[in-house]
């Protein structure tokens, strides 16, 4: 498990939880982000991360992305170690 902020473009990850307070969780829930949801990282260059979930693209600031804990599918070419970043 790692923060979304550490993921790379092209990664598909699953939300495991949030480390922020209730206001952050409420904001993420209003954006449709819930534990168990799959996210595809579209862009992780400097600036906000762009992710896609359920056909919708979202820009997430680095601070917010640091509070979203995710794990990968583990069927990627990096194998089981990909979640250990």
N, C-alpha and C. Protein backbone atom coordinates (compact mmCIF):
# COMPACT_ATOMS: atom_id res chain seq x y z
N UNK A 1 0.85 -1.17 0.00
CA UNK A 1 0.00 0.00 0.00
C UNK A 1 0.90 1.24 0.00
N UNK A 2 0.46 2.26 -0.74
CA UNK A 2 1.23 3.50 -0.81
C UNK A 2 0.26 4.65 -1.10
N UNK A 3 0.71 5.90 -0.92
CA UNK A 3 -0.13 7.03 -1.27
C UNK A 3 -0.27 7.14 -2.80
N UNK A 4 -1.40 7.60 -3.24
CA UNK A 4 -1.64 7.80 -4.67
C UNK A 4 -0.56 8.70 -5.28
N UNK A 5 -0.03 9.60 -4.50
CA UNK A 5 0.99 10.53 -5.00
C UNK A 5 2.26 9.82 -5.49
N UNK A 6 2.48 8.58 -5.08
CA UNK A 6 3.68 7.84 -5.50
C UNK A 6 3.46 6.99 -6.75
N UNK A 7 2.25 6.97 -7.25
CA UNK A 7 1.94 6.13 -8.42
C UNK A 7 2.42 6.80 -9.70
N UNK A 8 2.61 5.99 -10.70
CA UNK A 8 3.12 6.46 -11.99
C UNK A 8 2.02 6.43 -13.04
N UNK A 9 2.20 7.22 -14.08
CA UNK A 9 1.26 7.22 -15.20
C UNK A 9 1.12 5.80 -15.73
N UNK A 10 -0.11 5.39 -16.00
CA UNK A 10 -0.38 4.05 -16.51
C UNK A 10 -0.73 3.04 -15.44
N UNK A 11 -0.46 3.36 -14.16
CA UNK A 11 -0.80 2.43 -13.07
C UNK A 11 -2.31 2.35 -12.91
N UNK A 12 -2.80 1.16 -12.61
CA UNK A 12 -4.19 0.98 -12.18
C UNK A 12 -4.12 0.57 -10.72
N UNK A 13 -4.78 1.33 -9.87
CA UNK A 13 -4.72 1.11 -8.43
C UNK A 13 -6.12 1.09 -7.85
N UNK A 14 -6.22 0.60 -6.63
CA UNK A 14 -7.50 0.52 -5.93
C UNK A 14 -7.40 1.28 -4.62
N UNK A 15 -8.39 2.09 -4.34
CA UNK A 15 -8.40 2.88 -3.11
C UNK A 15 -8.61 1.95 -1.92
N UNK A 16 -7.71 2.06 -0.94
CA UNK A 16 -7.80 1.27 0.28
C UNK A 16 -8.31 2.08 1.45
N UNK A 17 -8.10 3.39 1.42
CA UNK A 17 -8.56 4.24 2.51
C UNK A 17 -7.97 5.63 2.39
N UNK A 18 -8.30 6.46 3.40
CA UNK A 18 -7.86 7.86 3.41
C UNK A 18 -7.21 8.15 4.76
N UNK A 19 -6.18 8.99 4.75
CA UNK A 19 -5.50 9.32 5.99
C UNK A 19 -5.89 10.69 6.53
N UNK A 20 -6.66 11.45 5.81
CA UNK A 20 -7.04 12.80 6.23
C UNK A 20 -8.25 12.80 7.15
N UNK A 21 -8.65 13.99 7.55
CA UNK A 21 -9.79 14.17 8.44
C UNK A 21 -11.12 14.07 7.72
N UNK A 22 -12.17 14.39 8.46
CA UNK A 22 -13.53 14.22 7.93
C UNK A 22 -13.83 15.15 6.76
N UNK A 23 -13.27 16.36 6.76
CA UNK A 23 -13.52 17.28 5.63
C UNK A 23 -12.90 16.75 4.35
N UNK A 24 -11.70 16.21 4.45
CA UNK A 24 -11.06 15.64 3.28
C UNK A 24 -11.84 14.44 2.78
N UNK A 25 -12.24 13.56 3.68
CA UNK A 25 -13.01 12.38 3.29
C UNK A 25 -14.32 12.78 2.62
N UNK A 26 -14.97 13.79 3.17
CA UNK A 26 -16.22 14.27 2.57
C UNK A 26 -15.98 14.80 1.16
N UNK A 27 -14.90 15.55 0.97
CA UNK A 27 -14.56 16.08 -0.35
C UNK A 27 -14.30 14.95 -1.34
N UNK A 28 -13.52 13.94 -0.91
CA UNK A 28 -13.21 12.80 -1.79
C UNK A 28 -14.47 12.01 -2.12
N UNK A 29 -15.33 11.81 -1.14
CA UNK A 29 -16.59 11.09 -1.39
C UNK A 29 -17.46 11.87 -2.38
N UNK A 30 -17.47 13.22 -2.25
CA UNK A 30 -18.28 14.02 -3.18
C UNK A 30 -17.73 13.95 -4.60
N UNK A 31 -16.44 13.62 -4.74
CA UNK A 31 -15.83 13.44 -6.05
C UNK A 31 -16.05 12.02 -6.58
N UNK A 32 -16.70 11.17 -5.78
CA UNK A 32 -16.97 9.80 -6.20
C UNK A 32 -15.86 8.82 -5.84
N UNK A 33 -14.93 9.25 -5.00
CA UNK A 33 -13.81 8.39 -4.62
C UNK A 33 -14.14 7.67 -3.32
N UNK A 34 -14.23 6.36 -3.39
CA UNK A 34 -14.59 5.53 -2.24
C UNK A 34 -13.61 4.35 -2.16
N UNK A 35 -13.38 3.83 -0.96
CA UNK A 35 -12.55 2.63 -0.85
C UNK A 35 -13.08 1.52 -1.75
N UNK A 36 -12.17 0.84 -2.42
CA UNK A 36 -12.53 -0.23 -3.35
C UNK A 36 -12.61 0.20 -4.79
N UNK A 37 -12.72 1.51 -5.04
CA UNK A 37 -12.81 2.02 -6.41
C UNK A 37 -11.47 1.87 -7.13
N UNK A 38 -11.54 1.53 -8.40
CA UNK A 38 -10.35 1.45 -9.24
C UNK A 38 -10.05 2.83 -9.82
N UNK A 39 -8.77 3.17 -9.85
CA UNK A 39 -8.31 4.43 -10.45
C UNK A 39 -7.23 4.10 -11.48
N UNK A 40 -7.32 4.72 -12.63
CA UNK A 40 -6.24 4.64 -13.60
C UNK A 40 -5.51 5.97 -13.55
N UNK A 41 -4.20 5.93 -13.31
CA UNK A 41 -3.40 7.15 -13.26
C UNK A 41 -3.08 7.55 -14.70
N UNK A 42 -3.63 8.68 -15.12
CA UNK A 42 -3.44 9.18 -16.48
C UNK A 42 -2.16 10.00 -16.57
N UNK A 43 -1.94 10.87 -15.59
CA UNK A 43 -0.76 11.72 -15.58
C UNK A 43 -0.29 11.92 -14.15
N UNK A 44 1.00 11.70 -13.93
CA UNK A 44 1.56 11.91 -12.59
C UNK A 44 2.78 12.82 -12.67
N UNK A 45 2.81 13.67 -13.68
CA UNK A 45 3.90 14.64 -13.81
C UNK A 45 3.77 15.68 -12.72
N UNK A 46 4.70 16.62 -12.67
CA UNK A 46 4.59 17.66 -11.66
C UNK A 46 3.26 18.40 -11.83
N UNK A 47 2.69 18.79 -10.72
CA UNK A 47 1.36 19.37 -10.72
C UNK A 47 0.35 18.34 -10.27
N UNK A 48 -0.92 18.61 -10.46
CA UNK A 48 -1.94 17.67 -9.99
C UNK A 48 -1.87 16.33 -10.75
N UNK A 49 -2.21 15.27 -10.04
CA UNK A 49 -2.34 13.96 -10.69
C UNK A 49 -3.67 13.94 -11.42
N UNK A 50 -3.69 13.34 -12.58
CA UNK A 50 -4.95 13.15 -13.31
C UNK A 50 -5.24 11.66 -13.26
N UNK A 51 -6.42 11.32 -12.75
CA UNK A 51 -6.85 9.93 -12.66
C UNK A 51 -8.19 9.77 -13.36
N UNK A 52 -8.49 8.54 -13.72
CA UNK A 52 -9.78 8.26 -14.33
C UNK A 52 -10.45 7.15 -13.52
N UNK A 53 -11.72 7.34 -13.21
CA UNK A 53 -12.52 6.33 -12.54
C UNK A 53 -13.94 6.38 -13.09
N UNK A 54 -14.47 5.27 -13.39
CA UNK A 54 -15.84 5.17 -13.93
C UNK A 54 -16.06 6.09 -15.13
N UNK A 55 -15.03 6.23 -15.98
CA UNK A 55 -15.14 7.04 -17.19
C UNK A 55 -14.99 8.53 -16.97
N UNK A 56 -14.68 8.96 -15.75
CA UNK A 56 -14.55 10.38 -15.43
C UNK A 56 -13.10 10.68 -15.07
N UNK A 57 -12.54 11.74 -15.66
CA UNK A 57 -11.19 12.16 -15.32
C UNK A 57 -11.25 13.22 -14.22
N UNK A 58 -10.36 13.05 -13.23
CA UNK A 58 -10.30 13.98 -12.10
C UNK A 58 -8.86 14.45 -11.93
N UNK A 59 -8.68 15.72 -11.60
CA UNK A 59 -7.37 16.25 -11.24
C UNK A 59 -7.33 16.33 -9.72
N UNK A 60 -6.29 15.74 -9.13
CA UNK A 60 -6.17 15.68 -7.67
C UNK A 60 -4.83 16.30 -7.30
N UNK A 61 -4.88 17.32 -6.45
CA UNK A 61 -3.66 17.98 -6.00
C UNK A 61 -2.74 17.03 -5.25
N UNK A 62 -1.46 17.37 -5.22
CA UNK A 62 -0.47 16.50 -4.60
C UNK A 62 -0.75 16.25 -3.13
N UNK A 63 -1.17 17.25 -2.39
CA UNK A 63 -1.49 17.08 -0.97
C UNK A 63 -2.63 16.12 -0.76
N UNK A 64 -3.67 16.26 -1.56
CA UNK A 64 -4.81 15.36 -1.46
C UNK A 64 -4.42 13.94 -1.87
N UNK A 65 -3.61 13.83 -2.92
CA UNK A 65 -3.17 12.52 -3.40
C UNK A 65 -2.33 11.80 -2.35
N UNK A 66 -1.62 12.56 -1.52
CA UNK A 66 -0.81 11.98 -0.45
C UNK A 66 -1.69 11.32 0.61
N UNK A 67 -2.94 11.75 0.71
CA UNK A 67 -3.87 11.23 1.72
C UNK A 67 -4.71 10.06 1.23
N UNK A 68 -4.58 9.70 -0.04
CA UNK A 68 -5.36 8.58 -0.60
C UNK A 68 -4.45 7.36 -0.66
N UNK A 69 -4.74 6.38 0.16
CA UNK A 69 -3.92 5.17 0.21
C UNK A 69 -4.47 4.16 -0.79
N UNK A 70 -3.58 3.62 -1.61
CA UNK A 70 -3.99 2.71 -2.68
C UNK A 70 -3.09 1.47 -2.71
N UNK A 71 -3.56 0.46 -3.37
CA UNK A 71 -2.71 -0.69 -3.70
C UNK A 71 -2.96 -1.02 -5.16
N UNK A 72 -1.99 -1.65 -5.77
CA UNK A 72 -2.13 -1.97 -7.19
C UNK A 72 -2.82 -3.32 -7.36
N UNK A 73 -3.11 -3.62 -8.57
CA UNK A 73 -3.79 -4.88 -8.91
C UNK A 73 -2.88 -6.08 -8.71
N UNK A 74 -1.57 -5.86 -8.77
CA UNK A 74 -0.55 -6.89 -8.60
C UNK A 74 -0.51 -7.91 -9.73
N UNK A 75 -1.12 -7.60 -10.85
CA UNK A 75 -0.94 -8.45 -12.02
C UNK A 75 -0.10 -7.70 -13.06
N UNK A 76 0.45 -6.57 -12.65
CA UNK A 76 1.28 -5.80 -13.56
C UNK A 76 2.64 -6.46 -13.72
N UNK A 77 3.44 -5.96 -14.64
CA UNK A 77 4.74 -6.58 -14.92
C UNK A 77 5.74 -6.42 -13.78
N UNK A 78 5.42 -5.61 -12.79
CA UNK A 78 6.32 -5.45 -11.64
C UNK A 78 6.06 -6.53 -10.59
N UNK A 79 4.99 -7.31 -10.75
CA UNK A 79 4.71 -8.40 -9.83
C UNK A 79 4.27 -7.91 -8.46
N UNK A 80 4.37 -8.78 -7.47
CA UNK A 80 3.88 -8.48 -6.12
C UNK A 80 4.63 -7.32 -5.47
N UNK A 81 5.86 -7.05 -5.89
CA UNK A 81 6.63 -5.98 -5.28
C UNK A 81 6.12 -4.59 -5.65
N UNK A 82 5.23 -4.48 -6.62
CA UNK A 82 4.80 -3.16 -7.06
C UNK A 82 4.02 -2.43 -5.97
N UNK A 83 3.44 -3.12 -5.05
CA UNK A 83 2.68 -2.47 -3.96
C UNK A 83 3.59 -2.09 -2.81
N UNK A 84 4.86 -2.40 -2.90
CA UNK A 84 5.76 -2.17 -1.78
C UNK A 84 6.58 -0.89 -1.94
N UNK A 85 6.17 -0.01 -2.85
CA UNK A 85 6.95 1.21 -3.07
C UNK A 85 6.99 2.08 -1.86
